[in-house]
PDB file of N, CA and C in Angstrom:
ATOM      1  N   MET A   1     123.229  97.336  68.878  1.00  0.00           N
ATOM      2  CA  MET A   1     122.360  98.188  68.528  1.00  0.00           C
ATOM      3  C   MET A   1     120.589  97.556  67.536  1.00  0.00           C
ATOM      4  N   ALA A   2     119.709  98.512  68.271  1.00  0.00           N
ATOM      5  CA  ALA A   2     118.747  97.850  67.803  1.00  0.00           C
ATOM      6  C   ALA A   2     118.595  97.971  66.176  1.00  0.00           C
ATOM      7  N   LEU A   3     119.142  98.609  65.428  1.00  0.00           N
ATOM      8  CA  LEU A   3     118.997  98.443  64.040  1.00  0.00           C
ATOM      9  C   LEU A   3     119.311  97.479  63.598  1.00  0.00           C
ATOM     10  N   GLU A   4     120.701  96.968  64.044  1.00  0.00           N
ATOM     11  CA  GLU A   4     122.059  95.429  63.359  1.00  0.00           C
ATOM     12  C   GLU A   4     120.382  94.178  64.023  1.00  0.00           C
ATOM     13  N   ILE A   5     119.951  94.350  65.077  1.00  0.00           N
ATOM     14  CA  ILE A   5     118.972  93.535  65.571  1.00  0.00           C
ATOM     15  C   ILE A   5     117.650  93.247  64.418  1.00  0.00           C
ATOM     16  N   LEU A   6     117.738  94.702  64.142  1.00  0.00           N
ATOM     17  CA  LEU A   6     115.984  94.253  63.243  1.00  0.00           C
ATOM     18  C   LEU A   6     116.619  93.934  61.807  1.00  0.00           C
ATOM     19  N   ASN A   7     117.558  94.356  61.249  1.00  0.00           N
ATOM     20  CA  ASN A   7     118.500  93.649  60.413  1.00  0.00           C
ATOM     21  C   ASN A   7     118.342  92.520  60.403  1.00  0.00           C
ATOM     22  N   ARG A   8     119.571  91.958  60.555  1.00  0.00           N
ATOM     23  CA  ARG A   8     119.607  90.621  61.388  1.00  0.00           C
ATOM     24  C   ARG A   8     118.868  89.603  61.375  1.00  0.00           C
ATOM     25  N   GLU A   9     117.609  89.687  62.625  1.00  0.00           N
ATOM     26  CA  GLU A   9     116.492  89.240  62.699  1.00  0.00           C
ATOM     27  C   GLU A   9     115.291  89.454  61.769  1.00  0.00           C
ATOM     28  N   LEU A  10     114.955  90.609  61.342  1.00  0.00           N
ATOM     29  CA  LEU A  10     113.999  90.382  60.372  1.00  0.00           C
ATOM     30  C   LEU A  10     114.110  90.652  58.461  1.00  0.00           C
ATOM     31  N   GLY A  11     115.002  90.783  58.763  1.00  0.00           N
ATOM     32  CA  GLY A  11     115.615  91.687  57.546  1.00  0.00           C
ATOM     33  C   GLY A  11     115.791  92.743  57.179  1.00  0.00           C
ATOM     34  N   ILE A  12     115.022  93.766  57.778  1.00  0.00           N
ATOM     35  CA  ILE A  12     114.490  95.121  57.462  1.00  0.00           C
ATOM     36  C   ILE A  12     116.026  96.024  57.115  1.00  0.00           C
ATOM     37  N   GLU A  13     116.184  96.384  56.279  1.00  0.00           N
ATOM     38  CA  GLU A  13     116.948  97.280  55.755  1.00  0.00           C
ATOM     39  C   GLU A  13     116.628  99.139  55.761  1.00  0.00           C
ATOM     40  N   ARG A  14     115.454  99.024  55.867  1.00  0.00           N
ATOM     41  CA  ARG A  14     114.623 100.380  55.420  1.00  0.00           C
ATOM     42  C   ARG A  14     114.054 101.225  56.416  1.00  0.00           C
ATOM     43  N   LEU A  15     114.145 101.952  57.301  1.00  0.00           N
ATOM     44  CA  LEU A  15     113.130 102.263  58.031  1.00  0.00           C
ATOM     45  C   LEU A  15     112.361 104.389  57.773  1.00  0.00           C
ATOM     46  N   LEU A  16     110.984 103.958  58.192  1.00  0.00           N
ATOM     47  CA  LEU A  16     110.681 105.480  58.044  1.00  0.00           C
ATOM     48  C   LEU A  16     110.755 105.883  59.793  1.00  0.00           C
ATOM     49  N   LEU A  17     111.166 106.655  59.901  1.00  0.00           N
ATOM     50  CA  LEU A  17     111.558 106.997  61.386  1.00  0.00           C
ATOM     51  C   LEU A  17     110.658 109.186  60.914  1.00  0.00           C
ATOM     52  N   GLU A  18     109.579 108.997  61.933  1.00  0.00           N
ATOM     53  CA  GLU A  18     108.047 109.737  62.449  1.00  0.00           C
ATOM     54  C   GLU A  18     108.012 110.184  63.734  1.00  0.00           C
ATOM     55  N   GLY A  19     109.803 109.996  64.744  1.00  0.00           N
ATOM     56  CA  GLY A  19     109.963 110.600  65.857  1.00  0.00           C
ATOM     57  C   GLY A  19     109.586 112.027  66.019  1.00  0.00           C
ATOM     58  N   GLY A  20     109.725 112.623  67.365  1.00  0.00           N
ATOM     59  CA  GLY A  20     110.105 113.825  67.489  1.00  0.00           C
ATOM     60  C   GLY A  20     111.075 114.537  67.227  1.00  0.00           C
ATOM     61  N   GLY A  21     111.291 115.431  67.176  1.00  0.00           N
ATOM     62  CA  GLY A  21     113.173 116.320  67.502  1.00  0.00           C
ATOM     63  C   GLY A  21     113.841 115.181  68.028  1.00  0.00           C
ATOM     64  N   GLY A  22     113.712 115.081  68.971  1.00  0.00           N
ATOM     65  CA  GLY A  22     114.796 114.661  69.888  1.00  0.00           C
ATOM     66  C   GLY A  22     115.401 113.168  69.212  1.00  0.00           C
ATOM     67  N   SER A  23     114.244 112.342  68.858  1.00  0.00           N
ATOM     68  CA  SER A  23     115.078 111.200  68.487  1.00  0.00           C
ATOM     69  C   SER A  23     115.494 111.126  66.897  1.00  0.00           C
ATOM     70  N   ASN A  24     114.612 112.063  66.308  1.00  0.00           N
ATOM     71  CA  ASN A  24     115.398 112.316  64.657  1.00  0.00           C
ATOM     72  C   ASN A  24     116.205 112.951  64.810  1.00  0.00           C
ATOM     73  N   GLY A  25     116.582 114.128  65.769  1.00  0.00           N
ATOM     74  CA  GLY A  25     117.889 114.181  66.137  1.00  0.00           C
ATOM     75  C   GLY A  25     119.584 113.548  66.177  1.00  0.00           C
ATOM     76  N   ALA A  26     118.536 112.529  67.220  1.00  0.00           N
ATOM     77  CA  ALA A  26     119.922 111.273  67.928  1.00  0.00           C
ATOM     78  C   ALA A  26     120.296 110.709  66.364  1.00  0.00           C
ATOM     79  N   PHE A  27     119.121 110.102  65.560  1.00  0.00           N
ATOM     80  CA  PHE A  27     119.601 109.436  64.320  1.00  0.00           C
ATOM     81  C   PHE A  27     120.292 110.581  63.522  1.00  0.00           C
ATOM     82  N   LEU A  28     119.937 111.750  63.073  1.00  0.00           N
ATOM     83  CA  LEU A  28     120.691 112.375  62.402  1.00  0.00           C
ATOM     84  C   LEU A  28     122.350 112.717  63.014  1.00  0.00           C
ATOM     85  N   ARG A  29     122.479 112.564  64.011  1.00  0.00           N
ATOM     86  CA  ARG A  29     123.713 113.250  64.935  1.00  0.00           C
ATOM     87  C   ARG A  29     124.427 111.429  64.797  1.00  0.00           C
ATOM     88  N   ALA A  30     124.000 110.536  64.413  1.00  0.00           N
ATOM     89  CA  ALA A  30     124.689 108.913  63.828  1.00  0.00           C
ATOM     90  C   ALA A  30     124.900 108.963  62.841  1.00  0.00           C
ATOM     91  N   GLY A  31     124.497 109.291  61.980  1.00  0.00           N
ATOM     92  CA  GLY A  31     124.280 109.116  60.615  1.00  0.00           C
ATOM     93  C   GLY A  31     123.861 108.248  59.803  1.00  0.00           C
ATOM     94  N   LEU A  32     122.454 108.155  60.422  1.00  0.00           N
ATOM     95  CA  LEU A  32     121.568 107.118  60.061  1.00  0.00           C
ATOM     96  C   LEU A  32     120.807 108.068  59.122  1.00  0.00           C
ATOM     97  N   ILE A  33     120.431 108.732  59.109  1.00  0.00           N
ATOM     98  CA  ILE A  33     119.063 109.411  57.949  1.00  0.00           C
ATOM     99  C   ILE A  33     119.806 109.867  56.537  1.00  0.00           C
ATOM    100  N   ASP A  34     119.580 109.365  55.551  1.00  0.00           N
ATOM    101  CA  ASP A  34     119.999 109.290  54.218  1.00  0.00           C
ATOM    102  C   ASP A  34     118.969 110.016  53.373  1.00  0.00           C
ATOM    103  N   GLU A  35     117.617 110.278  54.250  1.00  0.00           N
ATOM    104  CA  GLU A  35     116.701 110.840  53.515  1.00  0.00           C
ATOM    105  C   GLU A  35     115.829 111.683  54.472  1.00  0.00           C
ATOM    106  N   VAL A  36     115.154 113.233  53.758  1.00  0.00           N
ATOM    107  CA  VAL A  36     114.668 113.988  54.673  1.00  0.00           C
ATOM    108  C   VAL A  36     113.224 114.448  54.092  1.00  0.00           C
ATOM    109  N   SER A  37     112.055 113.513  54.414  1.00  0.00           N
ATOM    110  CA  SER A  37     110.655 113.788  53.666  1.00  0.00           C
ATOM    111  C   SER A  37     109.777 114.904  54.343  1.00  0.00           C
ATOM    112  N   LEU A  38     110.068 116.434  53.671  1.00  0.00           N
ATOM    113  CA  LEU A  38     109.183 116.863  54.525  1.00  0.00           C
ATOM    114  C   LEU A  38     108.167 118.055  54.142  1.00  0.00           C
ATOM    115  N   ALA A  39     107.309 117.795  55.251  1.00  0.00           N
ATOM    116  CA  ALA A  39     105.792 118.973  53.803  1.00  0.00           C
ATOM    117  C   ALA A  39     105.525 120.444  54.655  1.00  0.00           C
ATOM    118  N   ILE A  40     105.493 121.228  54.287  1.00  0.00           N
ATOM    119  CA  ILE A  40     105.122 122.437  54.504  1.00  0.00           C
ATOM    120  C   ILE A  40     104.044 123.251  54.431  1.00  0.00           C
ATOM    121  N   CYS A  41     103.604 123.135  55.862  1.00  0.00           N
ATOM    122  CA  CYS A  41     101.842 123.839  55.876  1.00  0.00           C
ATOM    123  C   CYS A  41     101.761 125.506  55.882  1.00  0.00           C
ATOM    124  N   PRO A  42     101.148 126.378  55.318  1.00  0.00           N
ATOM    125  CA  PRO A  42     101.080 127.626  55.403  1.00  0.00           C
ATOM    126  C   PRO A  42     100.863 128.108  56.799  1.00  0.00           C
ATOM    127  N   ALA A  43     101.197 127.945  57.734  1.00  0.00           N
ATOM    128  CA  ALA A  43     100.377 128.120  59.377  1.00  0.00           C
ATOM    129  C   ALA A  43     101.779 128.781  59.652  1.00  0.00           C
ATOM    130  N   VAL A  44     101.362 129.301  61.017  1.00  0.00           N
ATOM    131  CA  VAL A  44     102.461 130.112  61.752  1.00  0.00           C
ATOM    132  C   VAL A  44     102.607 130.396  63.079  1.00  0.00           C
ATOM    133  N   ASP A  45     103.059 129.738  64.287  1.00  0.00           N
ATOM    134  CA  ASP A  45     103.176 129.196  65.540  1.00  0.00           C
ATOM    135  C   ASP A  45     103.624 130.751  66.040  1.00  0.00           C
ATOM    136  N   GLY A  46     105.085 130.253  65.836  1.00  0.00           N
ATOM    137  CA  GLY A  46     106.411 131.670  66.875  1.00  0.00           C
ATOM    138  C   GLY A  46     106.133 131.266  68.029  1.00  0.00           C
ATOM    139  N   ALA A  47     105.713 130.293  68.462  1.00  0.00           N
ATOM    140  CA  ALA A  47     105.585 130.469  70.387  1.00  0.00           C
ATOM    141  C   ALA A  47     107.018 129.461  70.297  1.00  0.00           C
ATOM    142  N   LYS A  48     107.613 130.368  72.017  1.00  0.00           N
ATOM    143  CA  LYS A  48     109.028 129.755  71.916  1.00  0.00           C
ATOM    144  C   LYS A  48     108.648 128.254  72.399  1.00  0.00           C
ATOM    145  N   GLY A  49     109.916 127.639  72.478  1.00  0.00           N
ATOM    146  CA  GLY A  49     109.733 126.579  72.945  1.00  0.00           C
ATOM    147  C   GLY A  49     108.873 124.749  71.784  1.00  0.00           C
ATOM    148  N   ALA A  50     108.615 125.896  70.768  1.00  0.00           N
ATOM    149  CA  ALA A  50     107.404 124.999  69.558  1.00  0.00           C
ATOM    150  C   ALA A  50     108.619 123.701  69.095  1.00  0.00           C
ATOM    151  N   PRO A  51     107.860 122.259  69.422  1.00  0.00           N
ATOM    152  CA  PRO A  51     108.659 121.548  68.191  1.00  0.00           C
ATOM    153  C   PRO A  51     109.221 121.732  67.072  1.00  0.00           C
ATOM    154  N   SER A  52     110.745 121.127  67.253  1.00  0.00           N
ATOM    155  CA  SER A  52     111.517 121.133  66.022  1.00  0.00           C
ATOM    156  C   SER A  52     111.638 119.737  64.991  1.00  0.00           C
ATOM    157  N   ILE A  53     112.207 119.980  63.894  1.00  0.00           N
ATOM    158  CA  ILE A  53     112.518 118.499  63.475  1.00  0.00           C
ATOM    159  C   ILE A  53     113.461 117.668  63.630  1.00  0.00           C
ATOM    160  N   PHE A  54     114.552 118.195  64.200  1.00  0.00           N
ATOM    161  CA  PHE A  54     115.529 118.041  64.275  1.00  0.00           C
ATOM    162  C   PHE A  54     115.976 118.815  66.083  1.00  0.00           C
ATOM    163  N   ASP A  55     116.226 118.028  67.077  1.00  0.00           N
ATOM    164  CA  ASP A  55     116.793 118.482  67.849  1.00  0.00           C
ATOM    165  C   ASP A  55     118.150 117.863  69.080  1.00  0.00           C
ATOM    166  N   SER A  56     118.327 118.426  69.991  1.00  0.00           N
ATOM    167  CA  SER A  56     119.639 117.971  70.704  1.00  0.00           C
ATOM    168  C   SER A  56     118.945 118.114  72.104  1.00  0.00           C
ATOM    169  N   SER A  57     119.784 116.749  73.051  1.00  0.00           N
ATOM    170  CA  SER A  57     119.595 116.446  74.121  1.00  0.00           C
ATOM    171  C   SER A  57     120.592 117.501  74.852  1.00  0.00           C
ATOM    172  N   ASP A  58     120.818 117.903  76.516  1.00  0.00           N
ATOM    173  CA  ASP A  58     121.777 118.723  76.996  1.00  0.00           C
ATOM    174  C   ASP A  58     122.712 118.193  76.361  1.00  0.00           C
ATOM    175  N   SER A  59     122.739 116.868  76.602  1.00  0.00           N
ATOM    176  CA  SER A  59     124.404 116.248  76.263  1.00  0.00           C
ATOM    177  C   SER A  59     124.947 115.877  74.717  1.00  0.00           C
ATOM    178  N   ASP A  60     124.047 116.524  73.939  1.00  0.00           N
ATOM    179  CA  ASP A  60     124.388 116.601  72.540  1.00  0.00           C
ATOM    180  C   ASP A  60     124.377 118.029  72.067  1.00  0.00           C
ATOM    181  N   ALA A  61     123.886 119.082  72.495  1.00  0.00           N
ATOM    182  CA  ALA A  61     124.129 120.492  72.583  1.00  0.00           C
ATOM    183  C   ALA A  61     125.152 120.898  71.863  1.00  0.00           C
ATOM    184  N   GLY A  62     125.404 121.690  70.920  1.00  0.00           N
ATOM    185  CA  GLY A  62     126.636 121.523  69.723  1.00  0.00           C
ATOM    186  C   GLY A  62     127.649 120.366  69.221  1.00  0.00           C
ATOM    187  N   VAL A  63     127.018 119.538  69.416  1.00  0.00           N
ATOM    188  CA  VAL A  63     127.232 118.442  68.776  1.00  0.00           C
ATOM    189  C   VAL A  63     126.871 118.539  67.042  1.00  0.00           C
ATOM    190  N   PRO A  64     127.513 118.777  66.145  1.00  0.00           N
ATOM    191  CA  PRO A  64     127.074 119.106  64.598  1.00  0.00           C
ATOM    192  C   PRO A  64     126.856 117.516  64.432  1.00  0.00           C
ATOM    193  N   ALA A  65     125.663 117.230  63.315  1.00  0.00           N
ATOM    194  CA  ALA A  65     125.587 116.244  62.615  1.00  0.00           C
ATOM    195  C   ALA A  65     126.574 115.953  61.771  1.00  0.00           C
ATOM    196  N   PRO A  66     126.746 114.489  61.272  1.00  0.00           N
ATOM    197  CA  PRO A  66     127.743 114.331  60.161  1.00  0.00           C
ATOM    198  C   PRO A  66     127.648 114.391  58.853  1.00  0.00           C
ATOM    199  N   VAL A  67     126.022 115.376  58.359  1.00  0.00           N
ATOM    200  CA  VAL A  67     125.672 115.992  57.287  1.00  0.00           C
ATOM    201  C   VAL A  67     126.618 116.512  56.502  1.00  0.00           C
ATOM    202  N   THR A  68     127.166 116.119  55.458  1.00  0.00           N
ATOM    203  CA  THR A  68     128.146 116.990  54.743  1.00  0.00           C
ATOM    204  C   THR A  68     127.654 117.527  53.144  1.00  0.00           C
ATOM    205  N   SER A  69     126.149 117.111  52.838  1.00  0.00           N
ATOM    206  CA  SER A  69     125.316 118.033  51.791  1.00  0.00           C
ATOM    207  C   SER A  69     123.961 117.359  51.747  1.00  0.00           C
ATOM    208  N   MET A  70     123.306 118.168  51.328  1.00  0.00           N
ATOM    209  CA  MET A  70     122.072 117.881  51.052  1.00  0.00           C
ATOM    210  C   MET A  70     121.041 118.092  49.626  1.00  0.00           C
ATOM    211  N   THR A  71     120.846 117.577  48.757  1.00  0.00           N
ATOM    212  CA  THR A  71     120.311 117.540  47.794  1.00  0.00           C
ATOM    213  C   THR A  71     118.952 117.560  47.484  1.00  0.00           C
ATOM    214  N   LEU A  72     118.522 118.569  46.638  1.00  0.00           N
ATOM    215  CA  LEU A  72     116.994 118.280  47.068  1.00  0.00           C
ATOM    216  C   LEU A  72     116.470 117.749  45.773  1.00  0.00           C
ATOM    217  N   ALA A  73     115.784 116.490  45.952  1.00  0.00           N
ATOM    218  CA  ALA A  73     115.896 115.364  45.438  1.00  0.00           C
ATOM    219  C   ALA A  73     114.028 115.545  44.246  1.00  0.00           C
ATOM    220  N   ASN A  74     112.856 116.211  45.024  1.00  0.00           N
ATOM    221  CA  ASN A  74     111.827 116.107  44.800  1.00  0.00           C
ATOM    222  C   ASN A  74     111.389 117.526  45.502  1.00  0.00           C
ATOM    223  N   CYS A  75     110.547 117.857  44.500  1.00  0.00           N
ATOM    224  CA  CYS A  75     109.410 119.087  45.374  1.00  0.00           C
ATOM    225  C   CYS A  75     107.861 118.989  44.544  1.00  0.00           C
ATOM    226  N   LYS A  76     107.229 118.981  45.184  1.00  0.00           N
ATOM    227  CA  LYS A  76     105.853 118.777  44.614  1.00  0.00           C
ATOM    228  C   LYS A  76     104.770 119.536  45.459  1.00  0.00           C
ATOM    229  N   VAL A  77     104.164 120.562  45.402  1.00  0.00           N
ATOM    230  CA  VAL A  77     102.907 121.677  45.403  1.00  0.00           C
ATOM    231  C   VAL A  77     101.986 120.524  45.276  1.00  0.00           C
ATOM    232  N   LEU A  78     101.015 120.422  46.799  1.00  0.00           N
ATOM    233  CA  LEU A  78     100.060 120.153  47.238  1.00  0.00           C
ATOM    234  C   LEU A  78      99.177 120.912  47.312  1.00  0.00           C
ATOM    235  N   GLU A  79      97.917 120.685  47.218  1.00  0.00           N
ATOM    236  CA  GLU A  79      96.661 121.087  48.037  1.00  0.00           C
ATOM    237  C   GLU A  79      96.939 122.080  49.194  1.00  0.00           C
ATOM    238  N   GLY A  80      96.082 122.934  48.869  1.00  0.00           N
ATOM    239  CA  GLY A  80      96.052 124.410  50.034  1.00  0.00           C
ATOM    240  C   GLY A  80      97.484 125.004  50.224  1.00  0.00           C
ATOM    241  N   GLY A  81      98.468 124.847  49.261  1.00  0.00           N
ATOM    242  CA  GLY A  81      99.587 125.745  49.639  1.00  0.00           C
ATOM    243  C   GLY A  81     100.567 125.370  50.076  1.00  0.00           C
ATOM    244  N   ALA A  82     100.630 123.808  50.310  1.00  0.00           N
ATOM    245  CA  ALA A  82     101.134 123.397  50.798  1.00  0.00           C
ATOM    246  C   ALA A  82     102.427 123.019  49.880  1.00  0.00           C
ATOM    247  N   VAL A  83     103.733 122.498  50.782  1.00  0.00           N
ATOM    248  CA  VAL A  83     104.756 121.703  49.248  1.00  0.00           C
ATOM    249  C   VAL A  83     105.678 120.799  49.904  1.00  0.00           C
ATOM    250  N   TRP A  84     105.932 120.040  49.555  1.00  0.00           N
ATOM    251  CA  TRP A  84     106.561 118.458  49.998  1.00  0.00           C
ATOM    252  C   TRP A  84     107.342 118.169  49.420  1.00  0.00           C
ATOM    253  N   LEU A  85     108.714 118.175  50.192  1.00  0.00           N
ATOM    254  CA  LEU A  85     110.423 118.526  49.865  1.00  0.00           C
ATOM    255  C   LEU A  85     110.660 117.114  49.813  1.00  0.00           C
ATOM    256  N   ARG A  86     111.575 116.927  49.389  1.00  0.00           N
ATOM    257  CA  ARG A  86     112.325 115.376  49.473  1.00  0.00           C
ATOM    258  C   ARG A  86     113.820 115.960  49.281  1.00  0.00           C
ATOM    259  N   TYR A  87     114.545 115.535  50.362  1.00  0.00           N
ATOM    260  CA  TYR A  87     116.250 115.800  50.345  1.00  0.00           C
ATOM    261  C   TYR A  87     116.504 114.245  50.644  1.00  0.00           C
ATOM    262  N   ARG A  88     118.082 114.015  49.633  1.00  0.00           N
ATOM    263  CA  ARG A  88     119.002 112.894  49.642  1.00  0.00           C
ATOM    264  C   ARG A  88     120.121 114.026  50.959  1.00  0.00           C
ATOM    265  N   LEU A  89     120.303 113.287  51.866  1.00  0.00           N
ATOM    266  CA  LEU A  89     121.395 113.387  52.848  1.00  0.00           C
ATOM    267  C   LEU A  89     123.134 112.815  52.155  1.00  0.00           C
ATOM    268  N   GLN A  90     124.054 112.936  52.403  1.00  0.00           N
ATOM    269  CA  GLN A  90     125.138 113.022  52.525  1.00  0.00           C
ATOM    270  C   GLN A  90     125.801 112.964  53.835  1.00  0.00           C
ATOM    271  N   ASN A  91     126.228 111.849  54.277  1.00  0.00           N
ATOM    272  CA  ASN A  91     126.880 111.966  55.613  1.00  0.00           C
ATOM    273  C   ASN A  91     128.235 111.466  55.065  1.00  0.00           C
ATOM    274  N   GLY A  92     128.970 111.763  56.312  1.00  0.00           N
ATOM    275  CA  GLY A  92     130.496 112.197  56.070  1.00  0.00           C
ATOM    276  C   GLY A  92     130.916 110.812  57.375  1.00  0.00           C
TER     277      GLY A  92
END
């Protein structure tokens, strides 16, 4: 697995994942995400098919992530009415 190679060859123990919904969803379903950092800005799209934080491929549809709990670790109000939420995830 690529993550094992990064750890073994480069000593990397922690990654920042900034992918789209598909790659985020794949890491989530694999139980590899331990924290979600989410900035919510006051805007409304409402478009069908708009990007999401976590998404599934057709083959993964209906496969739940192994997340057993999400705990709010921090909440901060930012300029312009945005909020920054950090959650710790527990995977089963």
